Structure formats: C-alpha cells, structure tokens
C-alpha cells in the first residue's frame, strides 16, 4: 500500500505517472481510492484523483461500486480541483438508470449554468446532466429548455460547444 508522503505535497506530472504505474502494478484501484480520495487534506485527495485520471477506462471500472461515493464527494467538497477531478472520473464510469440520483442531477443542472463556476466543472456537469436525462424523455426536454434559456454571452467557447452538441443531438 502506498504512503501519504508520495502524494501529500505538490507532485509533478512525472511523479503522478510514477504513482499511477505503481498503482497499475498492484491493480488495487479501489484500495488506493478509499485510502486517499476522501482525505480531509484537499491536496492529498486532489493528487490521488489526478493519479486516477491517468488510468484507462477499464482500470477505472474497478471504481464502479464507488459511483455514489464519488458523486457525493463532488457535491460536498469545497475544493474546485477535487470537484473537477471527481466529476471527471464519474463521467468515465458507467451510469445506469438505477444510478440516477436527483440530488446529483440538481447539482449538475445548477453548476452547469452557474457563470461563476469554472468552465471545466460546467462542462463536466453539462455532460453528466445530459447522460442522466437520457433515461427520461421529460427530463431531456427540461434540460433542453434550460440550455436554450442560457444567455450564452457569459459562457466560454467550450461550454457553448457542449451545449450546441446536446441541442443538435450530436452528443452521445
């Protein structure tokens, strides 16, 4: 098992890759996640999540059983980097109709439209809201109405692009 010292401080891309390769060798993505991503030290949680983003989708699928814990982390953290990285991992996991949480959908709808939110978080929330709404036509219609009502002058080109893909039916 890895020690906190490896991911406590500021770590470089090279160090993150080294930790990822050790993690890949041990193939204990769940143990690593449980040990580090819920740390009260935001830097430890952020670094651990960053290491996990290096994993392939197949490797990350080991975290499928932690889907609700990861969504809860994204919703409750006050650290924007932890929020963005945990949302990134949630986006890469499977989401079935049974996984739909209305509190998480509300969170995504709120943060995707919040012009004070970081664009990376807005974009991830847009994509996740779209994914959750796909299970219910009435929610998809509500999402489209919300997107159409957004005043796009206040958003970055990246957000406009994701919004337009959803509205044009090109988002999968």
C-alpha atoms as a PDB file:
ATOM      1  CA  UNK A   1       0.000   0.000   0.000  1.00  0.00           C
ATOM      2  CA  UNK A   2       1.214   3.472  -0.828  1.00  0.00           C
ATOM      3  CA  UNK A   3       2.033   6.066   1.799  1.00  0.00           C
ATOM      4  CA  UNK A   4       0.644   9.571   2.133  1.00  0.00           C
ATOM      5  CA  UNK A   5       4.106  11.088   1.687  1.00  0.00           C
ATOM      6  CA  UNK A   6       4.087  10.142  -2.007  1.00  0.00           C
ATOM      7  CA  UNK A   7       1.058  12.298  -2.739  1.00  0.00           C
ATOM      8  CA  UNK A   8       0.996  14.805   0.125  1.00  0.00           C
ATOM      9  CA  UNK A   9       2.840  17.685  -1.462  1.00  0.00           C
ATOM     10  CA  UNK A  10       2.838  19.228  -4.860  1.00  0.00           C
ATOM     11  CA  UNK A  11       3.557  16.465  -7.340  1.00  0.00           C
ATOM     12  CA  UNK A  12       4.778  16.760 -10.882  1.00  0.00           C
ATOM     13  CA  UNK A  13       3.324  15.042 -13.931  1.00  0.00           C
ATOM     14  CA  UNK A  14       6.242  12.613 -13.796  1.00  0.00           C
ATOM     15  CA  UNK A  15       5.584  11.792 -10.135  1.00  0.00           C
ATOM     16  CA  UNK A  16       1.871  11.320 -10.843  1.00  0.00           C
ATOM     17  CA  UNK A  17       2.741   8.949 -13.688  1.00  0.00           C
ATOM     18  CA  UNK A  18       5.111   7.005 -11.400  1.00  0.00           C
ATOM     19  CA  UNK A  19       2.405   6.617  -8.745  1.00  0.00           C
ATOM     20  CA  UNK A  20      -0.053   5.545 -11.442  1.00  0.00           C
ATOM     21  CA  UNK A  21       2.358   2.884 -12.762  1.00  0.00           C
ATOM     22  CA  UNK A  22       2.852   1.514  -9.233  1.00  0.00           C
ATOM     23  CA  UNK A  23      -0.912   1.502  -8.797  1.00  0.00           C
ATOM     24  CA  UNK A  24      -1.318  -0.288 -12.121  1.00  0.00           C
ATOM     25  CA  UNK A  25       1.169  -2.948 -10.969  1.00  0.00           C
ATOM     26  CA  UNK A  26      -0.723  -3.507  -7.711  1.00  0.00           C
ATOM     27  CA  UNK A  27      -4.085  -3.332  -9.538  1.00  0.00           C
ATOM     28  CA  UNK A  28      -5.712  -2.058  -6.337  1.00  0.00           C
ATOM     29  CA  UNK A  29      -7.523   0.997  -7.654  1.00  0.00           C
ATOM     30  CA  UNK A  30     -10.315   0.643  -5.087  1.00  0.00           C
ATOM     31  CA  UNK A  31      -7.888   0.365  -2.161  1.00  0.00           C
ATOM     32  CA  UNK A  32      -5.945   3.394  -3.403  1.00  0.00           C
ATOM     33  CA  UNK A  33      -9.141   5.403  -3.888  1.00  0.00           C
ATOM     34  CA  UNK A  34     -10.513   4.507  -0.468  1.00  0.00           C
ATOM     35  CA  UNK A  35      -7.195   5.330   1.191  1.00  0.00           C
ATOM     36  CA  UNK A  36      -6.642   8.724  -0.409  1.00  0.00           C
ATOM     37  CA  UNK A  37      -9.505  10.429  -2.273  1.00  0.00           C
ATOM     38  CA  UNK A  38     -11.633  11.047   0.811  1.00  0.00           C
ATOM     39  CA  UNK A  39      -8.728  12.598   2.732  1.00  0.00           C
ATOM     40  CA  UNK A  40      -9.624  15.777   4.631  1.00  0.00           C
ATOM     41  CA  UNK A  41      -6.386  17.168   3.187  1.00  0.00           C
ATOM     42  CA  UNK A  42      -7.531  18.571  -0.139  1.00  0.00           C
ATOM     43  CA  UNK A  43      -4.052  18.271  -1.646  1.00  0.00           C
ATOM     44  CA  UNK A  44      -3.914  14.526  -0.907  1.00  0.00           C
ATOM     45  CA  UNK A  45      -7.417  13.997  -2.330  1.00  0.00           C
ATOM     46  CA  UNK A  46      -6.626  16.140  -5.376  1.00  0.00           C
ATOM     47  CA  UNK A  47      -3.342  14.360  -6.101  1.00  0.00           C
ATOM     48  CA  UNK A  48      -4.936  10.924  -5.672  1.00  0.00           C
ATOM     49  CA  UNK A  49      -7.774  11.838  -8.030  1.00  0.00           C
ATOM     50  CA  UNK A  50      -5.267  13.235 -10.524  1.00  0.00           C
ATOM     51  CA  UNK A  51      -3.345   9.943 -10.420  1.00  0.00           C
ATOM     52  CA  UNK A  52      -6.601   8.055 -11.024  1.00  0.00           C
ATOM     53  CA  UNK A  53      -7.365  10.138 -14.113  1.00  0.00           C
ATOM     54  CA  UNK A  54      -4.255   8.581 -15.674  1.00  0.00           C
ATOM     55  CA  UNK A  55      -5.962   5.166 -15.570  1.00  0.00           C
ATOM     56  CA  UNK A  56      -7.679   3.615 -18.556  1.00  0.00           C
ATOM     57  CA  UNK A  57     -11.468   3.359 -18.564  1.00  0.00           C
ATOM     58  CA  UNK A  58     -11.084  -0.379 -17.982  1.00  0.00           C
ATOM     59  CA  UNK A  59      -8.927   0.223 -14.905  1.00  0.00           C
ATOM     60  CA  UNK A  60     -11.308   2.895 -13.632  1.00  0.00           C
ATOM     61  CA  UNK A  61     -14.206   0.474 -13.994  1.00  0.00           C
ATOM     62  CA  UNK A  62     -12.914  -1.074 -10.753  1.00  0.00           C
ATOM     63  CA  UNK A  63     -14.333   2.053  -9.074  1.00  0.00           C
ATOM     64  CA  UNK A  64     -17.853   1.396 -10.388  1.00  0.00           C
ATOM     65  CA  UNK A  65     -19.005   0.333  -6.908  1.00  0.00           C
ATOM     66  CA  UNK A  66     -17.893   3.728  -5.625  1.00  0.00           C
ATOM     67  CA  UNK A  67     -20.022   5.733  -8.080  1.00  0.00           C
ATOM     68  CA  UNK A  68     -22.309   7.187  -5.399  1.00  0.00           C
ATOM     69  CA  UNK A  69     -19.380   7.958  -3.094  1.00  0.00           C
ATOM     70  CA  UNK A  70     -17.626   9.801  -5.929  1.00  0.00           C
ATOM     71  CA  UNK A  71     -20.744  11.816  -6.770  1.00  0.00           C
ATOM     72  CA  UNK A  72     -21.144  12.676  -3.072  1.00  0.00           C
ATOM     73  CA  UNK A  73     -17.509  13.793  -2.950  1.00  0.00           C
ATOM     74  CA  UNK A  74     -18.021  16.050  -5.966  1.00  0.00           C
ATOM     75  CA  UNK A  75     -21.127  17.592  -4.422  1.00  0.00           C
ATOM     76  CA  UNK A  76     -19.751  18.217  -0.933  1.00  0.00           C
ATOM     77  CA  UNK A  77     -16.150  19.290  -1.486  1.00  0.00           C
ATOM     78  CA  UNK A  78     -15.217  22.926  -1.261  1.00  0.00           C
ATOM     79  CA  UNK A  79     -12.104  22.365  -3.388  1.00  0.00           C
ATOM     80  CA  UNK A  80     -12.750  23.056  -7.072  1.00  0.00           C
ATOM     81  CA  UNK A  81      -9.902  20.788  -8.241  1.00  0.00           C
ATOM     82  CA  UNK A  82     -11.259  17.857  -6.209  1.00  0.00           C
ATOM     83  CA  UNK A  83     -14.707  18.596  -7.650  1.00  0.00           C
ATOM     84  CA  UNK A  84     -13.445  18.700 -11.250  1.00  0.00           C
ATOM     85  CA  UNK A  85     -11.324  15.556 -10.942  1.00  0.00           C
ATOM     86  CA  UNK A  86     -14.028  13.535  -9.186  1.00  0.00           C
ATOM     87  CA  UNK A  87     -16.594  14.614 -11.808  1.00  0.00           C
ATOM     88  CA  UNK A  88     -14.117  13.563 -14.492  1.00  0.00           C
ATOM     89  CA  UNK A  89     -13.929  10.080 -13.002  1.00  0.00           C
ATOM     90  CA  UNK A  90     -17.717   9.862 -12.574  1.00  0.00           C
ATOM     91  CA  UNK A  91     -18.119  10.771 -16.248  1.00  0.00           C
ATOM     92  CA  UNK A  92     -15.834   7.883 -17.204  1.00  0.00           C
ATOM     93  CA  UNK A  93     -17.834   5.324 -15.195  1.00  0.00           C
ATOM     94  CA  UNK A  94     -20.997   3.604 -16.412  1.00  0.00           C
ATOM     95  CA  UNK A  95     -24.251   5.181 -15.330  1.00  0.00           C
ATOM     96  CA  UNK A  96     -27.432   3.166 -15.500  1.00  0.00           C
ATOM     97  CA  UNK A  97     -30.983   4.339 -14.900  1.00  0.00           C
ATOM     98  CA  UNK A  98     -30.840   2.895 -11.366  1.00  0.00           C
ATOM     99  CA  UNK A  99     -27.838   5.117 -10.638  1.00  0.00           C
ATOM    100  CA  UNK A 100     -29.801   8.335 -11.225  1.00  0.00           C
ATOM    101  CA  UNK A 101     -29.733  10.487  -8.117  1.00  0.00           C
ATOM    102  CA  UNK A 102     -31.958  13.539  -8.206  1.00  0.00           C
ATOM    103  CA  UNK A 103     -29.658  15.416  -5.827  1.00  0.00           C
ATOM    104  CA  UNK A 104     -26.750  14.841  -8.207  1.00  0.00           C
ATOM    105  CA  UNK A 105     -28.834  15.812 -11.246  1.00  0.00           C
ATOM    106  CA  UNK A 106     -29.897  19.020  -9.449  1.00  0.00           C
ATOM    107  CA  UNK A 107     -26.253  19.669  -8.568  1.00  0.00           C
ATOM    108  CA  UNK A 108     -25.202  19.248 -12.221  1.00  0.00           C
ATOM    109  CA  UNK A 109     -28.027  21.456 -13.509  1.00  0.00           C
ATOM    110  CA  UNK A 110     -27.089  24.173 -11.031  1.00  0.00           C
ATOM    111  CA  UNK A 111     -23.332  24.073 -11.676  1.00  0.00           C
ATOM    112  CA  UNK A 112     -23.550  23.813 -15.474  1.00  0.00           C
ATOM    113  CA  UNK A 113     -25.427  27.105 -15.630  1.00  0.00           C
ATOM    114  CA  UNK A 114     -23.530  28.962 -12.891  1.00  0.00           C
ATOM    115  CA  UNK A 115     -21.420  31.587 -14.682  1.00  0.00           C
ATOM    116  CA  UNK A 116     -19.188  31.843 -11.577  1.00  0.00           C
ATOM    117  CA  UNK A 117     -18.256  28.149 -11.826  1.00  0.00           C
ATOM    118  CA  UNK A 118     -15.035  27.073 -13.513  1.00  0.00           C
ATOM    119  CA  UNK A 119     -15.602  26.124 -17.172  1.00  0.00           C
ATOM    120  CA  UNK A 120     -14.160  22.622 -16.656  1.00  0.00           C
ATOM    121  CA  UNK A 121     -16.733  21.918 -13.955  1.00  0.00           C
ATOM    122  CA  UNK A 122     -19.516  23.490 -16.020  1.00  0.00           C
ATOM    123  CA  UNK A 123     -18.619  21.283 -18.975  1.00  0.00           C
ATOM    124  CA  UNK A 124     -18.495  18.090 -16.910  1.00  0.00           C
ATOM    125  CA  UNK A 125     -21.820  18.968 -15.267  1.00  0.00           C
ATOM    126  CA  UNK A 126     -23.386  19.588 -18.694  1.00  0.00           C
ATOM    127  CA  UNK A 127     -22.224  16.192 -19.934  1.00  0.00           C
ATOM    128  CA  UNK A 128     -23.333  14.393 -16.777  1.00  0.00           C
ATOM    129  CA  UNK A 129     -26.743  16.113 -16.751  1.00  0.00           C
ATOM    130  CA  UNK A 130     -27.212  15.062 -20.373  1.00  0.00           C
ATOM    131  CA  UNK A 131     -26.260  11.489 -19.516  1.00  0.00           C
ATOM    132  CA  UNK A 132     -28.704  11.305 -16.616  1.00  0.00           C
ATOM    133  CA  UNK A 133     -31.540  12.961 -18.527  1.00  0.00           C
ATOM    134  CA  UNK A 134     -31.245  10.446 -21.377  1.00  0.00           C
ATOM    135  CA  UNK A 135     -33.099   7.903 -19.249  1.00  0.00           C
ATOM    136  CA  UNK A 136     -36.251  10.063 -19.111  1.00  0.00           C
ATOM    137  CA  UNK A 137     -37.656  11.987 -22.106  1.00  0.00           C
ATOM    138  CA  UNK A 138     -39.362  14.532 -19.826  1.00  0.00           C
ATOM    139  CA  UNK A 139     -36.031  15.304 -18.119  1.00  0.00           C
ATOM    140  CA  UNK A 140     -34.324  15.619 -21.505  1.00  0.00           C
ATOM    141  CA  UNK A 141     -36.923  18.151 -22.567  1.00  0.00           C
ATOM    142  CA  UNK A 142     -36.361  20.095 -19.338  1.00  0.00           C
ATOM    143  CA  UNK A 143     -32.602  20.019 -19.920  1.00  0.00           C
ATOM    144  CA  UNK A 144     -33.026  21.310 -23.473  1.00  0.00           C
ATOM    145  CA  UNK A 145     -35.292  24.134 -22.265  1.00  0.00           C
ATOM    146  CA  UNK A 146     -32.681  25.057 -19.645  1.00  0.00           C
ATOM    147  CA  UNK A 147     -29.911  25.037 -22.249  1.00  0.00           C
ATOM    148  CA  UNK A 148     -31.951  27.160 -24.654  1.00  0.00           C
ATOM    149  CA  UNK A 149     -32.595  29.699 -21.888  1.00  0.00           C
ATOM    150  CA  UNK A 150     -28.913  30.097 -21.002  1.00  0.00           C
ATOM    151  CA  UNK A 151     -27.555  33.517 -22.000  1.00  0.00           C
ATOM    152  CA  UNK A 152     -24.524  32.308 -23.958  1.00  0.00           C
ATOM    153  CA  UNK A 153     -22.650  35.642 -23.871  1.00  0.00           C
ATOM    154  CA  UNK A 154     -21.465  34.697 -20.367  1.00  0.00           C
ATOM    155  CA  UNK A 155     -20.010  31.286 -21.244  1.00  0.00           C
ATOM    156  CA  UNK A 156     -16.729  30.109 -22.745  1.00  0.00           C
ATOM    157  CA  UNK A 157     -16.482  28.601 -26.235  1.00  0.00           C
ATOM    158  CA  UNK A 158     -16.046  25.139 -24.675  1.00  0.00           C
ATOM    159  CA  UNK A 159     -19.362  25.426 -22.825  1.00  0.00           C
ATOM    160  CA  UNK A 160     -21.070  26.737 -25.947  1.00  0.00           C
ATOM    161  CA  UNK A 161     -19.717  23.755 -27.889  1.00  0.00           C
ATOM    162  CA  UNK A 162     -21.023  21.160 -25.397  1.00  0.00           C
ATOM    163  CA  UNK A 163     -24.369  22.974 -25.212  1.00  0.00           C
ATOM    164  CA  UNK A 164     -24.684  23.061 -29.006  1.00  0.00           C
ATOM    165  CA  UNK A 165     -23.808  19.362 -29.312  1.00  0.00           C
ATOM    166  CA  UNK A 166     -26.564  18.492 -26.848  1.00  0.00           C
ATOM    167  CA  UNK A 167     -29.126  20.724 -28.535  1.00  0.00           C
ATOM    168  CA  UNK A 168     -28.248  19.464 -32.023  1.00  0.00           C
ATOM    169  CA  UNK A 169     -28.418  15.812 -30.961  1.00  0.00           C
ATOM    170  CA  UNK A 170     -24.713  15.216 -31.696  1.00  0.00           C
ATOM    171  CA  UNK A 171     -23.789  14.460 -28.076  1.00  0.00           C
ATOM    172  CA  UNK A 172     -23.601  10.750 -27.384  1.00  0.00           C
END
